[in-house]
Amino acid sequence: MAVKKELNKFMMKALHNVGEYYTDSVREQLIKDGLQSSGELAASIDYEIVDGSLDILNAKYGGAIDEGSSPARQQGKTSRAMLKNIMDWANMKGIKPEKGTMRDMAWAIAKTVKKKGIIQRYGNQGAKIYDRVYSELEERIGADLMEGYQLDIKEKLNKL
């Protein structure tokens, strides 16, 4: 029978604290970088603690924004859902076609995304927001987790 590792109260508190300020910082960075249209992505960013690890959660398309979207391997049909999402995004951003319809423009954007990937200003490689925010907060995160660990050890020693 496997024994589940129980988190100590100070480490759990530290993980929650880190989860709060890390996700807040990611949301702020998304807004600062202009990577939101509806606010849905920023609102979806959350965290949970699973087996002593901090897991960061976000909307399904958040990974593509952060890590980029590699060019499609198959240049098949563009889905209606993708076209609708692009048209919704363009409407939120106030982007209108110079020629043709919104659908024509969305199709051209979808074709380019499939060919080159997304977010040109980041070299179509993604915004790397999670990595950038972590780099800024790395020392604080390390200090907070170390403090939680130390307090748990002190508490256990005091109980001996």
N, C-alpha and C. Protein backbone atom coordinates (compact mmCIF):
# COMPACT_ATOMS: atom_id res chain seq x y z
N MET A 1 0.84 -1.19 0.00
CA MET A 1 0.00 0.00 0.00
C MET A 1 0.89 1.25 0.00
N ALA A 2 0.64 2.14 -0.93
CA ALA A 2 1.42 3.38 -1.02
C ALA A 2 0.97 4.36 0.06
N VAL A 3 1.93 5.03 0.66
CA VAL A 3 1.63 6.02 1.67
C VAL A 3 1.64 7.39 1.01
N LYS A 4 0.55 8.13 1.16
CA LYS A 4 0.47 9.47 0.58
C LYS A 4 1.27 10.43 1.45
N LYS A 5 2.04 11.26 0.78
CA LYS A 5 2.83 12.26 1.49
C LYS A 5 1.90 13.38 1.95
N GLU A 6 1.91 13.64 3.24
CA GLU A 6 1.05 14.68 3.79
C GLU A 6 1.83 15.99 3.82
N LEU A 7 1.20 17.04 3.31
CA LEU A 7 1.83 18.36 3.36
C LEU A 7 1.70 18.93 4.76
N ASN A 8 2.72 19.58 5.20
CA ASN A 8 2.70 20.24 6.49
C ASN A 8 2.01 21.58 6.36
N LYS A 9 1.47 22.07 7.47
CA LYS A 9 0.63 23.26 7.40
C LYS A 9 1.37 24.50 6.92
N PHE A 10 2.61 24.69 7.30
CA PHE A 10 3.32 25.89 6.87
C PHE A 10 3.71 25.82 5.39
N MET A 11 4.06 24.63 4.93
CA MET A 11 4.37 24.48 3.51
C MET A 11 3.11 24.67 2.68
N MET A 12 1.99 24.15 3.14
CA MET A 12 0.72 24.33 2.44
C MET A 12 0.37 25.81 2.35
N LYS A 13 0.56 26.51 3.46
CA LYS A 13 0.28 27.95 3.48
C LYS A 13 1.21 28.68 2.50
N ALA A 14 2.47 28.29 2.47
CA ALA A 14 3.44 28.91 1.55
C ALA A 14 3.05 28.65 0.09
N LEU A 15 2.62 27.42 -0.21
CA LEU A 15 2.20 27.09 -1.58
C LEU A 15 0.99 27.92 -2.00
N HIS A 16 0.04 28.08 -1.10
CA HIS A 16 -1.13 28.91 -1.41
C HIS A 16 -0.71 30.36 -1.63
N ASN A 17 0.18 30.85 -0.79
CA ASN A 17 0.67 32.22 -0.93
C ASN A 17 1.36 32.42 -2.28
N VAL A 18 2.24 31.50 -2.64
CA VAL A 18 2.95 31.56 -3.93
C VAL A 18 1.94 31.48 -5.08
N GLY A 19 0.98 30.58 -4.97
CA GLY A 19 -0.04 30.45 -6.01
C GLY A 19 -0.80 31.74 -6.22
N GLU A 20 -1.13 32.42 -5.15
CA GLU A 20 -1.86 33.69 -5.25
C GLU A 20 -1.04 34.77 -5.95
N TYR A 21 0.17 35.03 -5.47
CA TYR A 21 0.90 36.13 -6.09
C TYR A 21 1.46 35.78 -7.46
N TYR A 22 1.74 34.51 -7.71
CA TYR A 22 2.21 34.12 -9.04
C TYR A 22 1.10 34.29 -10.08
N THR A 23 -0.10 33.79 -9.78
CA THR A 23 -1.21 33.93 -10.74
C THR A 23 -1.61 35.39 -10.92
N ASP A 24 -1.57 36.18 -9.84
CA ASP A 24 -1.84 37.62 -9.97
C ASP A 24 -0.82 38.27 -10.91
N SER A 25 0.44 37.90 -10.77
CA SER A 25 1.49 38.47 -11.61
C SER A 25 1.34 38.05 -13.07
N VAL A 26 0.93 36.81 -13.30
CA VAL A 26 0.70 36.35 -14.68
C VAL A 26 -0.44 37.14 -15.31
N ARG A 27 -1.53 37.33 -14.56
CA ARG A 27 -2.66 38.12 -15.07
C ARG A 27 -2.21 39.53 -15.42
N GLU A 28 -1.46 40.16 -14.52
CA GLU A 28 -0.97 41.51 -14.77
C GLU A 28 -0.08 41.56 -16.01
N GLN A 29 0.77 40.56 -16.20
CA GLN A 29 1.66 40.53 -17.36
C GLN A 29 0.88 40.36 -18.66
N LEU A 30 -0.16 39.54 -18.64
CA LEU A 30 -1.01 39.38 -19.82
C LEU A 30 -1.60 40.72 -20.24
N ILE A 31 -2.09 41.46 -19.26
CA ILE A 31 -2.70 42.77 -19.54
C ILE A 31 -1.63 43.74 -20.03
N LYS A 32 -0.49 43.77 -19.34
CA LYS A 32 0.61 44.66 -19.71
C LYS A 32 1.09 44.39 -21.14
N ASP A 33 1.16 43.12 -21.52
CA ASP A 33 1.62 42.74 -22.86
C ASP A 33 0.53 42.85 -23.92
N GLY A 34 -0.69 43.20 -23.51
CA GLY A 34 -1.79 43.33 -24.46
C GLY A 34 -2.21 42.02 -25.07
N LEU A 35 -2.14 40.95 -24.29
CA LEU A 35 -2.46 39.62 -24.79
C LEU A 35 -3.83 39.15 -24.36
N GLN A 36 -4.75 40.07 -24.24
CA GLN A 36 -6.10 39.67 -23.91
C GLN A 36 -7.06 40.51 -24.73
N SER A 37 -8.13 39.90 -25.12
CA SER A 37 -9.18 40.61 -25.85
C SER A 37 -10.41 40.72 -24.96
N SER A 38 -10.91 39.58 -24.55
CA SER A 38 -12.14 39.54 -23.76
C SER A 38 -11.87 39.54 -22.26
N GLY A 39 -10.66 39.24 -21.86
CA GLY A 39 -10.35 39.07 -20.45
C GLY A 39 -10.56 37.65 -19.97
N GLU A 40 -11.04 36.78 -20.86
CA GLU A 40 -11.32 35.39 -20.51
C GLU A 40 -10.06 34.64 -20.06
N LEU A 41 -8.96 34.85 -20.78
CA LEU A 41 -7.73 34.14 -20.42
C LEU A 41 -7.24 34.58 -19.05
N ALA A 42 -7.16 35.87 -18.82
CA ALA A 42 -6.70 36.36 -17.52
C ALA A 42 -7.61 35.87 -16.39
N ALA A 43 -8.92 35.87 -16.64
CA ALA A 43 -9.87 35.41 -15.63
C ALA A 43 -9.75 33.91 -15.37
N SER A 44 -9.27 33.16 -16.35
CA SER A 44 -9.19 31.70 -16.20
C SER A 44 -7.94 31.25 -15.44
N ILE A 45 -7.00 32.13 -15.24
CA ILE A 45 -5.74 31.73 -14.60
C ILE A 45 -5.99 31.52 -13.11
N ASP A 46 -5.65 30.32 -12.68
CA ASP A 46 -5.86 29.93 -11.28
C ASP A 46 -4.80 28.90 -10.92
N TYR A 47 -4.85 28.40 -9.72
CA TYR A 47 -3.88 27.39 -9.30
C TYR A 47 -4.59 26.37 -8.42
N GLU A 48 -3.95 25.21 -8.30
CA GLU A 48 -4.38 24.21 -7.33
C GLU A 48 -3.15 23.49 -6.84
N ILE A 49 -3.26 22.94 -5.66
CA ILE A 49 -2.16 22.19 -5.08
C ILE A 49 -2.51 20.71 -5.19
N VAL A 50 -1.66 19.99 -5.90
CA VAL A 50 -1.89 18.56 -6.14
C VAL A 50 -0.64 17.80 -5.71
N ASP A 51 -0.79 16.93 -4.73
CA ASP A 51 0.32 16.10 -4.24
C ASP A 51 1.57 16.92 -3.93
N GLY A 52 1.39 18.05 -3.29
CA GLY A 52 2.53 18.86 -2.87
C GLY A 52 3.12 19.72 -3.96
N SER A 53 2.47 19.79 -5.11
CA SER A 53 2.94 20.62 -6.22
C SER A 53 1.91 21.68 -6.55
N LEU A 54 2.40 22.80 -7.00
CA LEU A 54 1.53 23.89 -7.41
C LEU A 54 1.28 23.76 -8.91
N ASP A 55 0.03 23.55 -9.29
CA ASP A 55 -0.34 23.44 -10.70
C ASP A 55 -1.05 24.72 -11.10
N ILE A 56 -0.62 25.29 -12.22
CA ILE A 56 -1.24 26.51 -12.73
C ILE A 56 -2.23 26.11 -13.81
N LEU A 57 -3.42 26.68 -13.73
CA LEU A 57 -4.51 26.37 -14.65
C LEU A 57 -4.84 27.60 -15.50
N ASN A 58 -5.26 27.38 -16.73
CA ASN A 58 -5.74 28.46 -17.58
C ASN A 58 -6.63 27.92 -18.68
N ALA A 59 -7.24 28.82 -19.42
CA ALA A 59 -8.12 28.43 -20.52
C ALA A 59 -7.36 27.58 -21.52
N LYS A 60 -8.09 26.79 -22.26
CA LYS A 60 -7.50 25.83 -23.20
C LYS A 60 -6.49 26.48 -24.16
N TYR A 61 -6.80 27.66 -24.65
CA TYR A 61 -5.91 28.32 -25.61
C TYR A 61 -4.74 29.05 -24.95
N GLY A 62 -4.68 29.06 -23.63
CA GLY A 62 -3.60 29.72 -22.92
C GLY A 62 -2.23 29.15 -23.26
N GLY A 63 -2.17 27.85 -23.48
CA GLY A 63 -0.91 27.21 -23.85
C GLY A 63 -0.38 27.72 -25.17
N ALA A 64 -1.27 27.95 -26.13
CA ALA A 64 -0.84 28.47 -27.43
C ALA A 64 -0.32 29.89 -27.30
N ILE A 65 -0.95 30.70 -26.46
CA ILE A 65 -0.49 32.07 -26.24
C ILE A 65 0.89 32.04 -25.59
N ASP A 66 1.07 31.19 -24.59
CA ASP A 66 2.32 31.15 -23.85
C ASP A 66 3.44 30.45 -24.60
N GLU A 67 3.15 29.31 -25.18
CA GLU A 67 4.19 28.48 -25.80
C GLU A 67 4.26 28.64 -27.31
N GLY A 68 3.27 29.31 -27.88
CA GLY A 68 3.22 29.45 -29.32
C GLY A 68 2.49 28.29 -29.94
N SER A 69 2.27 28.42 -31.20
CA SER A 69 1.58 27.38 -31.95
C SER A 69 2.46 27.04 -33.12
N SER A 70 2.90 25.83 -33.16
CA SER A 70 3.77 25.45 -34.27
C SER A 70 2.93 25.38 -35.54
N PRO A 71 3.55 25.59 -36.68
CA PRO A 71 2.80 25.48 -37.92
C PRO A 71 2.14 24.11 -38.02
N ALA A 72 0.97 24.10 -38.60
CA ALA A 72 0.22 22.84 -38.72
C ALA A 72 0.96 21.87 -39.63
N ARG A 73 0.96 20.63 -39.23
CA ARG A 73 1.62 19.60 -40.04
C ARG A 73 0.80 19.30 -41.29
N GLN A 74 -0.50 19.37 -41.12
CA GLN A 74 -1.37 19.11 -42.26
C GLN A 74 -2.08 20.41 -42.61
N GLN A 75 -2.00 20.80 -43.83
CA GLN A 75 -2.61 22.05 -44.27
C GLN A 75 -4.03 21.79 -44.77
N GLY A 76 -4.79 20.99 -44.04
CA GLY A 76 -6.15 20.64 -44.42
C GLY A 76 -7.11 21.80 -44.22
N LYS A 77 -8.38 21.48 -44.15
CA LYS A 77 -9.41 22.49 -43.99
C LYS A 77 -9.27 23.21 -42.65
N THR A 78 -9.68 24.45 -42.67
CA THR A 78 -9.73 25.25 -41.45
C THR A 78 -11.11 25.05 -40.84
N SER A 79 -11.15 24.74 -39.57
CA SER A 79 -12.43 24.46 -38.92
C SER A 79 -13.28 25.71 -38.80
N ARG A 80 -14.58 25.49 -38.75
CA ARG A 80 -15.52 26.60 -38.54
C ARG A 80 -15.28 27.24 -37.18
N ALA A 81 -14.95 26.41 -36.20
CA ALA A 81 -14.70 26.94 -34.85
C ALA A 81 -13.51 27.89 -34.85
N MET A 82 -12.44 27.53 -35.58
CA MET A 82 -11.28 28.41 -35.64
C MET A 82 -11.64 29.72 -36.31
N LEU A 83 -12.39 29.65 -37.41
CA LEU A 83 -12.80 30.88 -38.10
C LEU A 83 -13.67 31.74 -37.19
N LYS A 84 -14.60 31.12 -36.46
CA LYS A 84 -15.45 31.87 -35.54
C LYS A 84 -14.62 32.52 -34.45
N ASN A 85 -13.67 31.79 -33.89
CA ASN A 85 -12.82 32.34 -32.83
C ASN A 85 -12.01 33.53 -33.35
N ILE A 86 -11.51 33.43 -34.56
CA ILE A 86 -10.73 34.53 -35.14
C ILE A 86 -11.64 35.74 -35.38
N MET A 87 -12.85 35.50 -35.89
CA MET A 87 -13.78 36.61 -36.11
C MET A 87 -14.18 37.27 -34.79
N ASP A 88 -14.41 36.46 -33.75
CA ASP A 88 -14.72 37.01 -32.43
C ASP A 88 -13.57 37.86 -31.91
N TRP A 89 -12.35 37.34 -32.05
CA TRP A 89 -11.16 38.06 -31.62
C TRP A 89 -11.03 39.38 -32.38
N ALA A 90 -11.20 39.34 -33.70
CA ALA A 90 -11.09 40.55 -34.52
C ALA A 90 -12.14 41.58 -34.12
N ASN A 91 -13.36 41.14 -33.85
CA ASN A 91 -14.41 42.07 -33.41
C ASN A 91 -14.05 42.72 -32.08
N MET A 92 -13.54 41.92 -31.13
CA MET A 92 -13.15 42.48 -29.83
C MET A 92 -12.02 43.50 -29.97
N LYS A 93 -11.11 43.24 -30.91
CA LYS A 93 -9.98 44.14 -31.13
C LYS A 93 -10.33 45.30 -32.06
N GLY A 94 -11.53 45.27 -32.65
CA GLY A 94 -11.93 46.32 -33.58
C GLY A 94 -11.23 46.22 -34.93
N ILE A 95 -10.81 45.03 -35.29
CA ILE A 95 -10.10 44.82 -36.55
C ILE A 95 -11.13 44.52 -37.64
N LYS A 96 -11.04 45.27 -38.72
CA LYS A 96 -11.96 45.09 -39.84
C LYS A 96 -11.15 44.85 -41.11
N PRO A 97 -11.70 44.07 -42.03
CA PRO A 97 -10.97 43.79 -43.27
C PRO A 97 -10.89 45.03 -44.17
N GLU A 98 -9.75 45.17 -44.83
CA GLU A 98 -9.62 46.26 -45.81
C GLU A 98 -10.43 45.93 -47.05
N LYS A 99 -10.44 44.67 -47.41
CA LYS A 99 -11.20 44.19 -48.57
C LYS A 99 -11.91 42.91 -48.16
N GLY A 100 -13.03 42.62 -48.78
CA GLY A 100 -13.72 41.37 -48.52
C GLY A 100 -14.50 41.38 -47.22
N THR A 101 -14.90 40.19 -46.81
CA THR A 101 -15.72 40.02 -45.61
C THR A 101 -14.87 39.65 -44.40
N MET A 102 -15.50 39.66 -43.25
CA MET A 102 -14.83 39.23 -42.02
C MET A 102 -14.40 37.77 -42.15
N ARG A 103 -15.25 36.96 -42.78
CA ARG A 103 -14.93 35.55 -42.97
C ARG A 103 -13.69 35.39 -43.85
N ASP A 104 -13.57 36.19 -44.90
CA ASP A 104 -12.40 36.14 -45.77
C ASP A 104 -11.14 36.49 -44.98
N MET A 105 -11.26 37.55 -44.18
CA MET A 105 -10.12 37.97 -43.37
C MET A 105 -9.74 36.88 -42.36
N ALA A 106 -10.76 36.30 -41.70
CA ALA A 106 -10.51 35.24 -40.72
C ALA A 106 -9.85 34.04 -41.39
N TRP A 107 -10.29 33.71 -42.58
CA TRP A 107 -9.70 32.59 -43.31
C TRP A 107 -8.22 32.87 -43.61
N ALA A 108 -7.91 34.12 -44.04
CA ALA A 108 -6.52 34.48 -44.34
C ALA A 108 -5.66 34.41 -43.07
N ILE A 109 -6.19 34.88 -41.95
CA ILE A 109 -5.45 34.82 -40.68
C ILE A 109 -5.23 33.36 -40.28
N ALA A 110 -6.28 32.54 -40.40
CA ALA A 110 -6.16 31.12 -40.05
C ALA A 110 -5.11 30.43 -40.90
N LYS A 111 -5.09 30.76 -42.18
CA LYS A 111 -4.10 30.17 -43.09
C LYS A 111 -2.68 30.55 -42.66
N THR A 112 -2.49 31.80 -42.28
CA THR A 112 -1.18 32.27 -41.82
C THR A 112 -0.78 31.60 -40.51
N VAL A 113 -1.73 31.46 -39.59
CA VAL A 113 -1.45 30.80 -38.31
C VAL A 113 -1.05 29.35 -38.56
N LYS A 114 -1.76 28.69 -39.46
CA LYS A 114 -1.43 27.29 -39.76
C LYS A 114 -0.05 27.18 -40.41
N LYS A 115 0.31 28.19 -41.18
CA LYS A 115 1.59 28.14 -41.89
C LYS A 115 2.77 28.57 -41.01
N LYS A 116 2.57 29.63 -40.21
CA LYS A 116 3.69 30.22 -39.47
C LYS A 116 3.61 30.09 -37.96
N GLY A 117 2.42 29.87 -37.40
CA GLY A 117 2.26 29.89 -35.96
C GLY A 117 1.61 31.19 -35.54
N ILE A 118 1.56 31.47 -34.22
CA ILE A 118 0.88 32.67 -33.74
C ILE A 118 1.83 33.63 -33.04
N ILE A 119 1.36 34.82 -32.83
CA ILE A 119 2.00 35.94 -32.14
C ILE A 119 3.36 36.28 -32.77
N GLN A 120 3.27 36.99 -33.84
CA GLN A 120 4.45 37.36 -34.63
C GLN A 120 5.49 38.14 -33.81
N ARG A 121 5.04 39.03 -32.94
CA ARG A 121 6.00 39.86 -32.19
C ARG A 121 6.89 39.05 -31.26
N TYR A 122 6.50 37.81 -30.98
CA TYR A 122 7.34 36.91 -30.19
C TYR A 122 7.99 35.85 -31.07
N GLY A 123 8.12 36.16 -32.34
CA GLY A 123 8.76 35.24 -33.26
C GLY A 123 7.96 33.96 -33.47
N ASN A 124 6.64 34.08 -33.33
CA ASN A 124 5.72 32.95 -33.47
C ASN A 124 6.06 31.81 -32.51
N GLN A 125 6.74 32.13 -31.43
CA GLN A 125 7.16 31.11 -30.46
C GLN A 125 6.41 31.22 -29.14
N GLY A 126 5.46 32.10 -29.04
CA GLY A 126 4.71 32.26 -27.80
C GLY A 126 5.30 33.36 -26.93
N ALA A 127 4.47 33.85 -26.03
CA ALA A 127 4.84 34.99 -25.19
C ALA A 127 5.72 34.61 -24.00
N LYS A 128 5.75 33.33 -23.63
CA LYS A 128 6.56 32.83 -22.50
C LYS A 128 6.29 33.61 -21.21
N ILE A 129 5.03 33.95 -21.01
CA ILE A 129 4.65 34.74 -19.84
C ILE A 129 4.95 34.01 -18.55
N TYR A 130 4.62 32.73 -18.48
CA TYR A 130 4.83 31.99 -17.24
C TYR A 130 6.32 31.94 -16.89
N ASP A 131 7.17 31.74 -17.87
CA ASP A 131 8.61 31.70 -17.63
C ASP A 131 9.13 33.07 -17.22
N ARG A 132 8.67 34.12 -17.90
CA ARG A 132 9.14 35.47 -17.57
C ARG A 132 8.72 35.88 -16.16
N VAL A 133 7.48 35.59 -15.81
CA VAL A 133 7.00 35.93 -14.46
C VAL A 133 7.75 35.11 -13.42
N TYR A 134 7.96 33.83 -13.69
CA TYR A 134 8.71 33.00 -12.73
C TYR A 134 10.12 33.56 -12.52
N SER A 135 10.77 33.97 -13.60
CA SER A 135 12.12 34.53 -13.48
C SER A 135 12.14 35.76 -12.58
N GLU A 136 11.11 36.58 -12.70
CA GLU A 136 11.02 37.79 -11.86
C GLU A 136 10.76 37.44 -10.39
N LEU A 137 10.04 36.36 -10.15
CA LEU A 137 9.62 36.02 -8.78
C LEU A 137 10.41 34.87 -8.17
N GLU A 138 11.38 34.34 -8.90
CA GLU A 138 12.08 33.12 -8.49
C GLU A 138 12.66 33.21 -7.08
N GLU A 139 13.33 34.28 -6.75
CA GLU A 139 13.93 34.41 -5.42
C GLU A 139 12.86 34.48 -4.33
N ARG A 140 11.80 35.23 -4.59
CA ARG A 140 10.71 35.35 -3.61
C ARG A 140 10.04 33.99 -3.40
N ILE A 141 9.79 33.28 -4.51
CA ILE A 141 9.16 31.96 -4.41
C ILE A 141 10.04 31.02 -3.59
N GLY A 142 11.33 30.99 -3.90
CA GLY A 142 12.27 30.14 -3.17
C GLY A 142 12.31 30.47 -1.69
N ALA A 143 12.33 31.76 -1.37
CA ALA A 143 12.38 32.19 0.03
C ALA A 143 11.09 31.80 0.77
N ASP A 144 9.95 32.00 0.13
CA ASP A 144 8.67 31.66 0.77
C ASP A 144 8.54 30.16 1.03
N LEU A 145 8.93 29.35 0.04
CA LEU A 145 8.85 27.90 0.21
C LEU A 145 9.84 27.41 1.27
N MET A 146 11.03 27.98 1.27
CA MET A 146 12.03 27.61 2.26
C MET A 146 11.55 27.97 3.67
N GLU A 147 10.94 29.11 3.82
CA GLU A 147 10.43 29.52 5.12
C GLU A 147 9.35 28.55 5.60
N GLY A 148 8.43 28.17 4.71
CA GLY A 148 7.39 27.21 5.08
C GLY A 148 7.98 25.89 5.52
N TYR A 149 8.98 25.42 4.78
CA TYR A 149 9.65 24.17 5.11
C TYR A 149 10.34 24.27 6.47
N GLN A 150 11.05 25.37 6.70
CA GLN A 150 11.76 25.56 7.97
C GLN A 150 10.79 25.61 9.15
N LEU A 151 9.69 26.29 8.98
CA LEU A 151 8.71 26.38 10.07
C LEU A 151 8.11 25.02 10.39
N ASP A 152 7.86 24.22 9.36
CA ASP A 152 7.35 22.87 9.60
C ASP A 152 8.38 22.01 10.33
N ILE A 153 9.65 22.14 9.99
CA ILE A 153 10.71 21.37 10.68
C ILE A 153 10.79 21.81 12.15
N LYS A 154 10.76 23.12 12.38
CA LYS A 154 10.82 23.62 13.76
C LYS A 154 9.65 23.10 14.58
N GLU A 155 8.47 23.11 13.96
CA GLU A 155 7.29 22.62 14.68
C GLU A 155 7.44 21.14 15.03
N LYS A 156 7.94 20.34 14.11
CA LYS A 156 8.13 18.91 14.37
C LYS A 156 9.17 18.69 15.46
N LEU A 157 10.25 19.47 15.43
CA LEU A 157 11.28 19.34 16.46
C LEU A 157 10.75 19.74 17.84
N ASN A 158 9.90 20.74 17.88
CA ASN A 158 9.33 21.16 19.15
C ASN A 158 8.38 20.12 19.74
N LYS A 159 7.84 19.27 18.91
CA LYS A 159 6.93 18.22 19.37
C LYS A 159 7.68 16.99 19.89
N LEU A 160 8.98 16.91 19.62
CA LEU A 160 9.77 15.75 20.08
C LEU A 160 9.96 15.77 21.58
